[in-house]
Amino acid sequence: MPKAKSKAQQQAAGAALAAKRGEQDKSDLQGASKQMYESMSEDELEEMASTDRENLPDTVDGD
């Protein structure tokens, strides 16, 4: 399962996961979170969103 490589990626996964679960309107998603919503399963998003943010950089190239 994928792990987030940055805080921005972890946050985008959290937004996509909320939309998958119906907790947020999917039309509110944009950019990376929208792409994640469309291409990843709920389990994959949960794994990425649950990554510990403590030692992650804010962003990495490609975020």
N, C-alpha and C. Protein backbone atom coordinates (compact mmCIF):
# COMPACT_ATOMS: atom_id res chain seq x y z
N MET A 1 0.84 -1.18 0.00
CA MET A 1 0.00 0.00 0.00
C MET A 1 0.88 1.25 0.00
N PRO A 2 0.41 2.31 -0.63
CA PRO A 2 1.22 3.52 -0.73
C PRO A 2 1.28 4.30 0.58
N LYS A 3 2.40 4.92 0.82
CA LYS A 3 2.57 5.84 1.94
C LYS A 3 2.76 7.23 1.38
N ALA A 4 2.24 8.24 2.05
CA ALA A 4 2.42 9.61 1.60
C ALA A 4 3.88 10.00 1.71
N LYS A 5 4.35 10.77 0.72
CA LYS A 5 5.74 11.22 0.70
C LYS A 5 5.87 12.67 1.16
N SER A 6 4.74 13.36 1.36
CA SER A 6 4.76 14.74 1.82
C SER A 6 3.46 15.04 2.56
N LYS A 7 3.49 16.15 3.32
CA LYS A 7 2.28 16.57 4.03
C LYS A 7 1.18 16.93 3.05
N ALA A 8 1.55 17.54 1.92
CA ALA A 8 0.55 17.92 0.92
C ALA A 8 -0.12 16.68 0.34
N GLN A 9 0.65 15.64 0.08
CA GLN A 9 0.10 14.40 -0.47
C GLN A 9 -0.81 13.72 0.56
N GLN A 10 -0.42 13.73 1.82
CA GLN A 10 -1.22 13.13 2.87
C GLN A 10 -2.54 13.88 3.02
N GLN A 11 -2.50 15.19 2.93
CA GLN A 11 -3.71 16.01 3.03
C GLN A 11 -4.65 15.77 1.84
N ALA A 12 -4.08 15.67 0.65
CA ALA A 12 -4.89 15.41 -0.55
C ALA A 12 -5.57 14.04 -0.44
N ALA A 13 -4.84 13.06 0.07
CA ALA A 13 -5.42 11.72 0.25
C ALA A 13 -6.57 11.77 1.25
N GLY A 14 -6.42 12.56 2.30
CA GLY A 14 -7.48 12.70 3.30
C GLY A 14 -8.74 13.30 2.70
N ALA A 15 -8.57 14.30 1.85
CA ALA A 15 -9.73 14.92 1.19
C ALA A 15 -10.41 13.93 0.25
N ALA A 16 -9.62 13.19 -0.52
CA ALA A 16 -10.17 12.20 -1.44
C ALA A 16 -10.89 11.09 -0.67
N LEU A 17 -10.33 10.68 0.46
CA LEU A 17 -10.95 9.64 1.29
C LEU A 17 -12.29 10.13 1.83
N ALA A 18 -12.34 11.37 2.28
CA ALA A 18 -13.60 11.92 2.79
C ALA A 18 -14.67 11.91 1.71
N ALA A 19 -14.29 12.22 0.48
CA ALA A 19 -15.25 12.20 -0.63
C ALA A 19 -15.68 10.77 -0.95
N LYS A 20 -14.75 9.83 -0.92
CA LYS A 20 -15.10 8.42 -1.17
C LYS A 20 -16.12 7.93 -0.16
N ARG A 21 -15.98 8.38 1.08
CA ARG A 21 -16.87 7.95 2.15
C ARG A 21 -18.17 8.74 2.19
N GLY A 22 -18.30 9.74 1.32
CA GLY A 22 -19.51 10.55 1.28
C GLY A 22 -19.55 11.64 2.33
N GLU A 23 -18.41 11.90 2.99
CA GLU A 23 -18.34 12.92 4.03
C GLU A 23 -18.10 14.31 3.44
N GLN A 24 -17.73 14.36 2.18
CA GLN A 24 -17.44 15.61 1.48
C GLN A 24 -17.93 15.45 0.06
N ASP A 25 -18.39 16.52 -0.54
CA ASP A 25 -18.87 16.48 -1.92
C ASP A 25 -17.69 16.32 -2.87
N LYS A 26 -17.76 15.34 -3.75
CA LYS A 26 -16.63 15.10 -4.66
C LYS A 26 -16.41 16.26 -5.62
N SER A 27 -17.41 17.09 -5.84
CA SER A 27 -17.24 18.24 -6.73
C SER A 27 -16.35 19.32 -6.08
N ASP A 28 -16.11 19.22 -4.77
CA ASP A 28 -15.22 20.15 -4.09
C ASP A 28 -13.75 19.79 -4.29
N LEU A 29 -13.48 18.57 -4.77
CA LEU A 29 -12.10 18.14 -4.97
C LEU A 29 -11.48 18.81 -6.18
N GLN A 30 -10.17 19.04 -6.10
CA GLN A 30 -9.45 19.59 -7.24
C GLN A 30 -8.01 19.10 -7.19
N GLY A 31 -7.36 19.15 -8.32
CA GLY A 31 -5.95 18.78 -8.39
C GLY A 31 -5.68 17.34 -7.99
N ALA A 32 -4.69 17.18 -7.11
CA ALA A 32 -4.24 15.85 -6.71
C ALA A 32 -5.33 15.05 -6.01
N SER A 33 -6.13 15.70 -5.18
CA SER A 33 -7.17 14.96 -4.46
C SER A 33 -8.22 14.41 -5.41
N LYS A 34 -8.56 15.16 -6.45
CA LYS A 34 -9.52 14.69 -7.45
C LYS A 34 -8.96 13.49 -8.21
N GLN A 35 -7.70 13.58 -8.57
CA GLN A 35 -7.05 12.49 -9.29
C GLN A 35 -6.97 11.24 -8.40
N MET A 36 -6.63 11.43 -7.13
CA MET A 36 -6.57 10.30 -6.19
C MET A 36 -7.94 9.66 -6.03
N TYR A 37 -8.98 10.48 -5.92
CA TYR A 37 -10.35 9.99 -5.77
C TYR A 37 -10.71 9.05 -6.91
N GLU A 38 -10.32 9.45 -8.13
CA GLU A 38 -10.69 8.69 -9.32
C GLU A 38 -9.84 7.43 -9.52
N SER A 39 -8.61 7.43 -9.03
CA SER A 39 -7.69 6.35 -9.38
C SER A 39 -7.35 5.39 -8.24
N MET A 40 -7.74 5.71 -7.01
CA MET A 40 -7.35 4.88 -5.87
C MET A 40 -8.57 4.32 -5.15
N SER A 41 -8.38 3.16 -4.53
CA SER A 41 -9.45 2.55 -3.74
C SER A 41 -9.52 3.23 -2.37
N GLU A 42 -10.61 2.99 -1.66
CA GLU A 42 -10.77 3.55 -0.32
C GLU A 42 -9.66 3.04 0.60
N ASP A 43 -9.29 1.76 0.48
CA ASP A 43 -8.21 1.20 1.31
C ASP A 43 -6.87 1.88 1.04
N GLU A 44 -6.56 2.13 -0.24
CA GLU A 44 -5.32 2.80 -0.59
C GLU A 44 -5.30 4.23 -0.05
N LEU A 45 -6.42 4.92 -0.18
CA LEU A 45 -6.50 6.29 0.32
C LEU A 45 -6.38 6.33 1.84
N GLU A 46 -6.99 5.37 2.51
CA GLU A 46 -6.91 5.31 3.97
C GLU A 46 -5.47 5.11 4.42
N GLU A 47 -4.75 4.23 3.75
CA GLU A 47 -3.35 3.97 4.08
C GLU A 47 -2.51 5.24 3.89
N MET A 48 -2.72 5.93 2.78
CA MET A 48 -1.94 7.14 2.49
C MET A 48 -2.32 8.26 3.46
N ALA A 49 -3.59 8.42 3.73
CA ALA A 49 -4.04 9.49 4.62
C ALA A 49 -3.61 9.26 6.06
N SER A 50 -3.38 8.02 6.45
CA SER A 50 -3.00 7.72 7.83
C SER A 50 -1.50 7.79 8.06
N THR A 51 -0.72 8.14 7.04
CA THR A 51 0.72 8.28 7.19
C THR A 51 1.04 9.33 8.24
N ASP A 52 1.96 9.03 9.14
CA ASP A 52 2.39 9.98 10.17
C ASP A 52 3.04 11.19 9.52
N ARG A 53 2.54 12.38 9.80
CA ARG A 53 3.02 13.61 9.16
C ARG A 53 4.27 14.18 9.82
N GLU A 54 4.62 13.71 10.99
CA GLU A 54 5.67 14.33 11.79
C GLU A 54 6.98 14.55 11.04
N ASN A 55 7.47 13.56 10.32
CA ASN A 55 8.76 13.68 9.65
C ASN A 55 8.65 13.89 8.14
N LEU A 56 7.48 14.23 7.66
CA LEU A 56 7.30 14.45 6.22
C LEU A 56 7.63 15.89 5.85
N PRO A 57 8.22 16.08 4.67
CA PRO A 57 8.40 17.46 4.18
C PRO A 57 7.05 18.04 3.79
N ASP A 58 6.96 19.38 3.69
CA ASP A 58 5.71 20.00 3.28
C ASP A 58 5.30 19.56 1.89
N THR A 59 6.25 19.56 0.98
CA THR A 59 6.02 19.11 -0.39
C THR A 59 7.27 18.40 -0.91
N VAL A 60 7.11 17.68 -1.99
CA VAL A 60 8.24 17.08 -2.72
C VAL A 60 8.02 17.36 -4.19
N ASP A 61 9.05 17.23 -5.00
CA ASP A 61 8.89 17.45 -6.44
C ASP A 61 7.79 16.55 -6.95
N GLY A 62 6.87 17.13 -7.71
CA GLY A 62 5.76 16.37 -8.27
C GLY A 62 4.48 16.53 -7.49
N ASP A 63 4.54 17.11 -6.28
CA ASP A 63 3.31 17.35 -5.49
C ASP A 63 2.62 18.60 -5.98
